[in-house]
Amino acid sequence: MKSILRVIIFVPLALIILFFSMANRGSVRIGLDPFAPSDGSGPSFEAPIFLVVLASMAIGVLAGGISSWLGHLSVRRAAKIARAEARKTRVEIDKLRQQALASLPADKRVKSS
């Protein structure tokens, strides 16, 4: 099911990116100094439009992922603490169960089993 869903989503997405790239092959000048005059005297380079757009999207997705990951640090920390407490509680329950069974008389242990 997951592989079919991936194909249904990623094949059209790849085709859209491919067609977008083919349609936008023209070059643009990318200026690296926002305060330089518009005559292009500052540091700059030329790149195809599709490369600029796709790189911008990739950087945005990466920045969003990092932001989301950092935003959920407290939730992951709380979940880690809860798992540790649950593990300790399970160990304590097992100890108490063994102690309770050990304190039962032998004839009651056989009946409860």
N, C-alpha and C. Protein backbone atom coordinates (compact mmCIF):
# COMPACT_ATOMS: atom_id res chain seq x y z
N MET A 1 0.82 -1.19 0.00
CA MET A 1 0.00 0.00 0.00
C MET A 1 0.87 1.26 0.00
N LYS A 2 1.92 1.25 0.84
CA LYS A 2 2.78 2.43 0.90
C LYS A 2 3.50 2.65 -0.43
N SER A 3 3.94 1.57 -1.07
CA SER A 3 4.68 1.73 -2.32
C SER A 3 3.77 2.27 -3.43
N ILE A 4 2.53 1.85 -3.44
CA ILE A 4 1.58 2.37 -4.43
C ILE A 4 1.33 3.85 -4.17
N LEU A 5 1.18 4.21 -2.90
CA LEU A 5 0.95 5.61 -2.54
C LEU A 5 2.16 6.46 -2.93
N ARG A 6 3.35 5.94 -2.72
CA ARG A 6 4.55 6.67 -3.12
C ARG A 6 4.59 6.90 -4.61
N VAL A 7 4.26 5.87 -5.39
CA VAL A 7 4.24 6.01 -6.85
C VAL A 7 3.20 7.04 -7.26
N ILE A 8 2.03 6.98 -6.67
CA ILE A 8 0.95 7.91 -7.02
C ILE A 8 1.35 9.35 -6.72
N ILE A 9 2.14 9.56 -5.68
CA ILE A 9 2.54 10.92 -5.31
C ILE A 9 3.82 11.35 -6.02
N PHE A 10 4.85 10.52 -6.00
CA PHE A 10 6.16 10.96 -6.47
C PHE A 10 6.33 10.97 -7.99
N VAL A 11 5.66 10.09 -8.71
CA VAL A 11 5.79 10.12 -10.17
C VAL A 11 5.20 11.41 -10.75
N PRO A 12 3.98 11.80 -10.39
CA PRO A 12 3.49 13.09 -10.91
C PRO A 12 4.33 14.28 -10.44
N LEU A 13 4.80 14.22 -9.20
CA LEU A 13 5.65 15.31 -8.69
C LEU A 13 6.95 15.40 -9.50
N ALA A 14 7.55 14.26 -9.79
CA ALA A 14 8.77 14.26 -10.60
C ALA A 14 8.51 14.78 -12.01
N LEU A 15 7.37 14.41 -12.58
CA LEU A 15 7.03 14.90 -13.91
C LEU A 15 6.80 16.41 -13.90
N ILE A 16 6.15 16.91 -12.87
CA ILE A 16 5.93 18.36 -12.76
C ILE A 16 7.27 19.08 -12.66
N ILE A 17 8.17 18.57 -11.84
CA ILE A 17 9.50 19.19 -11.72
C ILE A 17 10.25 19.13 -13.04
N LEU A 18 10.17 18.00 -13.72
CA LEU A 18 10.84 17.85 -15.01
C LEU A 18 10.29 18.84 -16.03
N PHE A 19 8.96 18.93 -16.15
CA PHE A 19 8.36 19.86 -17.11
C PHE A 19 8.66 21.31 -16.75
N PHE A 20 8.65 21.62 -15.46
CA PHE A 20 8.99 22.97 -15.01
C PHE A 20 10.43 23.30 -15.39
N SER A 21 11.32 22.35 -15.20
CA SER A 21 12.74 22.57 -15.52
C SER A 21 12.94 22.77 -17.02
N MET A 22 12.22 21.99 -17.81
CA MET A 22 12.37 22.12 -19.26
C MET A 22 11.80 23.45 -19.77
N ALA A 23 10.75 23.92 -19.14
CA ALA A 23 10.12 25.16 -19.59
C ALA A 23 10.86 26.41 -19.12
N ASN A 24 11.70 26.31 -18.10
CA ASN A 24 12.38 27.48 -17.52
C ASN A 24 13.89 27.31 -17.55
N ARG A 25 14.44 27.17 -18.75
CA ARG A 25 15.88 26.97 -18.88
C ARG A 25 16.65 28.27 -19.03
N GLY A 26 15.97 29.39 -19.11
CA GLY A 26 16.64 30.67 -19.27
C GLY A 26 17.50 31.02 -18.06
N SER A 27 18.55 31.79 -18.31
CA SER A 27 19.48 32.17 -17.24
C SER A 27 19.05 33.48 -16.58
N VAL A 28 19.32 33.57 -15.30
CA VAL A 28 19.09 34.80 -14.55
C VAL A 28 20.36 35.11 -13.76
N ARG A 29 20.56 36.39 -13.51
CA ARG A 29 21.72 36.81 -12.72
C ARG A 29 21.28 36.89 -11.26
N ILE A 30 22.01 36.20 -10.40
CA ILE A 30 21.72 36.18 -8.97
C ILE A 30 22.76 37.07 -8.29
N GLY A 31 22.29 38.17 -7.71
CA GLY A 31 23.18 39.07 -7.00
C GLY A 31 23.31 38.65 -5.54
N LEU A 32 24.53 38.58 -5.04
CA LEU A 32 24.78 38.14 -3.66
C LEU A 32 24.87 39.29 -2.67
N ASP A 33 24.95 40.52 -3.17
CA ASP A 33 25.04 41.69 -2.29
C ASP A 33 23.73 42.48 -2.41
N PRO A 34 22.91 42.48 -1.37
CA PRO A 34 21.62 43.17 -1.48
C PRO A 34 21.75 44.69 -1.54
N PHE A 35 22.91 45.24 -1.19
CA PHE A 35 23.10 46.69 -1.17
C PHE A 35 23.84 47.21 -2.39
N ALA A 36 24.23 46.31 -3.28
CA ALA A 36 24.95 46.74 -4.49
C ALA A 36 23.97 47.41 -5.45
N PRO A 37 24.46 48.34 -6.24
CA PRO A 37 23.58 48.98 -7.24
C PRO A 37 23.09 47.93 -8.25
N SER A 38 22.00 48.24 -8.93
CA SER A 38 21.38 47.27 -9.83
C SER A 38 22.14 47.08 -11.14
N ASP A 39 23.28 47.74 -11.30
CA ASP A 39 24.03 47.58 -12.56
C ASP A 39 24.84 46.28 -12.59
N GLY A 40 24.80 45.49 -11.52
CA GLY A 40 25.47 44.19 -11.52
C GLY A 40 26.93 44.26 -11.12
N SER A 41 27.33 45.34 -10.47
CA SER A 41 28.75 45.47 -10.12
C SER A 41 29.12 44.65 -8.88
N GLY A 42 28.15 44.21 -8.11
CA GLY A 42 28.43 43.40 -6.91
C GLY A 42 28.67 41.95 -7.27
N PRO A 43 28.99 41.14 -6.27
CA PRO A 43 29.21 39.72 -6.55
C PRO A 43 27.91 39.06 -7.00
N SER A 44 28.00 38.33 -8.11
CA SER A 44 26.81 37.68 -8.65
C SER A 44 27.23 36.50 -9.51
N PHE A 45 26.25 35.70 -9.89
CA PHE A 45 26.48 34.59 -10.82
C PHE A 45 25.21 34.35 -11.61
N GLU A 46 25.36 33.63 -12.69
CA GLU A 46 24.21 33.31 -13.52
C GLU A 46 23.84 31.85 -13.34
N ALA A 47 22.54 31.60 -13.31
CA ALA A 47 22.05 30.23 -13.17
C ALA A 47 20.71 30.12 -13.88
N PRO A 48 20.35 28.91 -14.29
CA PRO A 48 19.02 28.72 -14.90
C PRO A 48 17.92 29.00 -13.87
N ILE A 49 16.80 29.51 -14.36
CA ILE A 49 15.69 29.87 -13.48
C ILE A 49 15.21 28.66 -12.68
N PHE A 50 15.08 27.51 -13.36
CA PHE A 50 14.57 26.33 -12.65
C PHE A 50 15.48 25.92 -11.51
N LEU A 51 16.79 26.10 -11.69
CA LEU A 51 17.73 25.74 -10.63
C LEU A 51 17.58 26.66 -9.43
N VAL A 52 17.37 27.93 -9.68
CA VAL A 52 17.16 28.89 -8.60
C VAL A 52 15.87 28.58 -7.84
N VAL A 53 14.80 28.31 -8.57
CA VAL A 53 13.51 28.03 -7.93
C VAL A 53 13.58 26.71 -7.14
N LEU A 54 14.12 25.66 -7.74
CA LEU A 54 14.19 24.37 -7.07
C LEU A 54 15.13 24.41 -5.86
N ALA A 55 16.24 25.13 -5.99
CA ALA A 55 17.15 25.27 -4.84
C ALA A 55 16.48 26.05 -3.71
N SER A 56 15.73 27.08 -4.06
CA SER A 56 15.01 27.86 -3.04
C SER A 56 13.98 26.99 -2.33
N MET A 57 13.26 26.16 -3.10
CA MET A 57 12.28 25.26 -2.49
C MET A 57 12.96 24.25 -1.58
N ALA A 58 14.08 23.70 -2.02
CA ALA A 58 14.80 22.71 -1.21
C ALA A 58 15.30 23.34 0.09
N ILE A 59 15.82 24.55 0.01
CA ILE A 59 16.29 25.24 1.21
C ILE A 59 15.11 25.52 2.14
N GLY A 60 13.96 25.89 1.59
CA GLY A 60 12.77 26.13 2.41
C GLY A 60 12.29 24.87 3.10
N VAL A 61 12.27 23.76 2.39
CA VAL A 61 11.85 22.49 2.99
C VAL A 61 12.83 22.08 4.09
N LEU A 62 14.12 22.24 3.83
CA LEU A 62 15.12 21.91 4.84
C LEU A 62 14.99 22.80 6.07
N ALA A 63 14.80 24.10 5.86
CA ALA A 63 14.64 25.01 6.99
C ALA A 63 13.37 24.69 7.78
N GLY A 64 12.30 24.34 7.09
CA GLY A 64 11.06 23.96 7.78
C GLY A 64 11.22 22.68 8.58
N GLY A 65 11.93 21.72 8.03
CA GLY A 65 12.18 20.46 8.74
C GLY A 65 13.01 20.67 9.98
N ILE A 66 14.05 21.48 9.87
CA ILE A 66 14.90 21.77 11.03
C ILE A 66 14.10 22.52 12.08
N SER A 67 13.29 23.48 11.65
CA SER A 67 12.46 24.24 12.59
C SER A 67 11.47 23.33 13.32
N SER A 68 10.86 22.43 12.59
CA SER A 68 9.91 21.50 13.20
C SER A 68 10.62 20.56 14.18
N TRP A 69 11.78 20.08 13.77
CA TRP A 69 12.56 19.16 14.63
C TRP A 69 12.96 19.86 15.92
N LEU A 70 13.42 21.09 15.82
CA LEU A 70 13.80 21.84 17.02
C LEU A 70 12.59 22.19 17.88
N GLY A 71 11.45 22.44 17.24
CA GLY A 71 10.24 22.77 17.98
C GLY A 71 9.70 21.60 18.78
N HIS A 72 10.02 20.37 18.38
CA HIS A 72 9.51 19.19 19.07
C HIS A 72 10.52 18.57 20.03
N LEU A 73 11.60 19.26 20.31
CA LEU A 73 12.60 18.72 21.25
C LEU A 73 11.99 18.45 22.62
N SER A 74 11.18 19.37 23.11
CA SER A 74 10.60 19.20 24.44
C SER A 74 9.65 18.00 24.48
N VAL A 75 8.92 17.78 23.40
CA VAL A 75 8.00 16.64 23.34
C VAL A 75 8.78 15.33 23.34
N ARG A 76 9.85 15.28 22.54
CA ARG A 76 10.67 14.06 22.51
C ARG A 76 11.34 13.81 23.85
N ARG A 77 11.76 14.87 24.51
CA ARG A 77 12.39 14.72 25.83
C ARG A 77 11.38 14.17 26.84
N ALA A 78 10.16 14.69 26.82
CA ALA A 78 9.10 14.22 27.73
C ALA A 78 8.76 12.76 27.43
N ALA A 79 8.72 12.39 26.17
CA ALA A 79 8.43 11.00 25.81
C ALA A 79 9.54 10.07 26.28
N LYS A 80 10.77 10.52 26.19
CA LYS A 80 11.90 9.70 26.66
C LYS A 80 11.80 9.48 28.17
N ILE A 81 11.46 10.52 28.91
CA ILE A 81 11.31 10.40 30.36
C ILE A 81 10.15 9.47 30.69
N ALA A 82 9.04 9.60 29.97
CA ALA A 82 7.87 8.74 30.21
C ALA A 82 8.20 7.28 29.92
N ARG A 83 8.96 7.01 28.86
CA ARG A 83 9.37 5.63 28.57
C ARG A 83 10.23 5.07 29.67
N ALA A 84 11.16 5.88 30.19
CA ALA A 84 12.03 5.42 31.28
C ALA A 84 11.21 5.12 32.54
N GLU A 85 10.26 5.99 32.85
CA GLU A 85 9.40 5.76 34.02
C GLU A 85 8.55 4.51 33.84
N ALA A 86 8.03 4.30 32.64
CA ALA A 86 7.23 3.11 32.37
C ALA A 86 8.08 1.85 32.52
N ARG A 87 9.30 1.90 32.05
CA ARG A 87 10.22 0.76 32.18
C ARG A 87 10.48 0.45 33.66
N LYS A 88 10.73 1.51 34.46
CA LYS A 88 10.95 1.31 35.90
C LYS A 88 9.71 0.74 36.57
N THR A 89 8.55 1.24 36.17
CA THR A 89 7.30 0.76 36.76
C THR A 89 7.08 -0.71 36.42
N ARG A 90 7.37 -1.12 35.19
CA ARG A 90 7.22 -2.53 34.82
C ARG A 90 8.13 -3.41 35.64
N VAL A 91 9.37 -2.97 35.86
CA VAL A 91 10.31 -3.75 36.67
C VAL A 91 9.80 -3.85 38.11
N GLU A 92 9.30 -2.74 38.64
CA GLU A 92 8.77 -2.75 40.00
C GLU A 92 7.55 -3.66 40.12
N ILE A 93 6.68 -3.64 39.13
CA ILE A 93 5.50 -4.52 39.14
C ILE A 93 5.93 -5.98 39.13
N ASP A 94 6.91 -6.31 38.30
CA ASP A 94 7.39 -7.69 38.26
C ASP A 94 7.98 -8.12 39.60
N LYS A 95 8.74 -7.22 40.23
CA LYS A 95 9.32 -7.54 41.56
C LYS A 95 8.20 -7.79 42.58
N LEU A 96 7.21 -6.88 42.60
CA LEU A 96 6.12 -7.01 43.56
C LEU A 96 5.31 -8.28 43.30
N ARG A 97 5.12 -8.62 42.05
CA ARG A 97 4.38 -9.84 41.71
C ARG A 97 5.14 -11.07 42.21
N GLN A 98 6.45 -11.08 42.00
CA GLN A 98 7.26 -12.21 42.47
C GLN A 98 7.27 -12.29 43.99
N GLN A 99 7.33 -11.13 44.66
CA GLN A 99 7.29 -11.13 46.12
C GLN A 99 5.94 -11.63 46.62
N ALA A 100 4.86 -11.22 45.96
CA ALA A 100 3.53 -11.65 46.37
C ALA A 100 3.37 -13.15 46.17
N LEU A 101 3.87 -13.67 45.07
CA LEU A 101 3.79 -15.11 44.82
C LEU A 101 4.66 -15.88 45.80
N ALA A 102 5.80 -15.32 46.16
CA ALA A 102 6.70 -16.00 47.09
C ALA A 102 6.11 -16.03 48.50
N SER A 103 5.31 -15.04 48.84
CA SER A 103 4.75 -14.98 50.20
C SER A 103 3.51 -15.86 50.35
N LEU A 104 2.94 -16.32 49.25
CA LEU A 104 1.77 -17.21 49.33
C LEU A 104 2.19 -18.59 49.83
N PRO A 105 1.35 -19.25 50.58
CA PRO A 105 1.65 -20.63 50.97
C PRO A 105 1.71 -21.51 49.72
N ALA A 106 2.40 -22.60 49.83
CA ALA A 106 2.63 -23.48 48.69
C ALA A 106 1.33 -24.01 48.11
N ASP A 107 0.34 -24.36 48.95
CA ASP A 107 -0.91 -24.91 48.43
C ASP A 107 -1.72 -23.86 47.67
N LYS A 108 -1.65 -22.57 48.04
CA LYS A 108 -2.37 -21.52 47.33
C LYS A 108 -1.68 -21.19 46.00
N ARG A 109 -0.35 -21.33 45.96
CA ARG A 109 0.38 -21.06 44.72
C ARG A 109 -0.04 -22.04 43.64
N VAL A 110 -0.22 -23.28 44.01
CA VAL A 110 -0.61 -24.30 43.03
C VAL A 110 -2.02 -24.03 42.54
N LYS A 111 -2.93 -23.62 43.41
CA LYS A 111 -4.32 -23.37 43.01
C LYS A 111 -4.42 -22.15 42.08
N SER A 112 -3.63 -21.12 42.33
CA SER A 112 -3.75 -19.89 41.52
C SER A 112 -3.10 -20.05 40.16
N SER A 113 -2.23 -21.01 39.98
CA SER A 113 -1.52 -21.18 38.71
C SER A 113 -2.33 -21.83 37.67
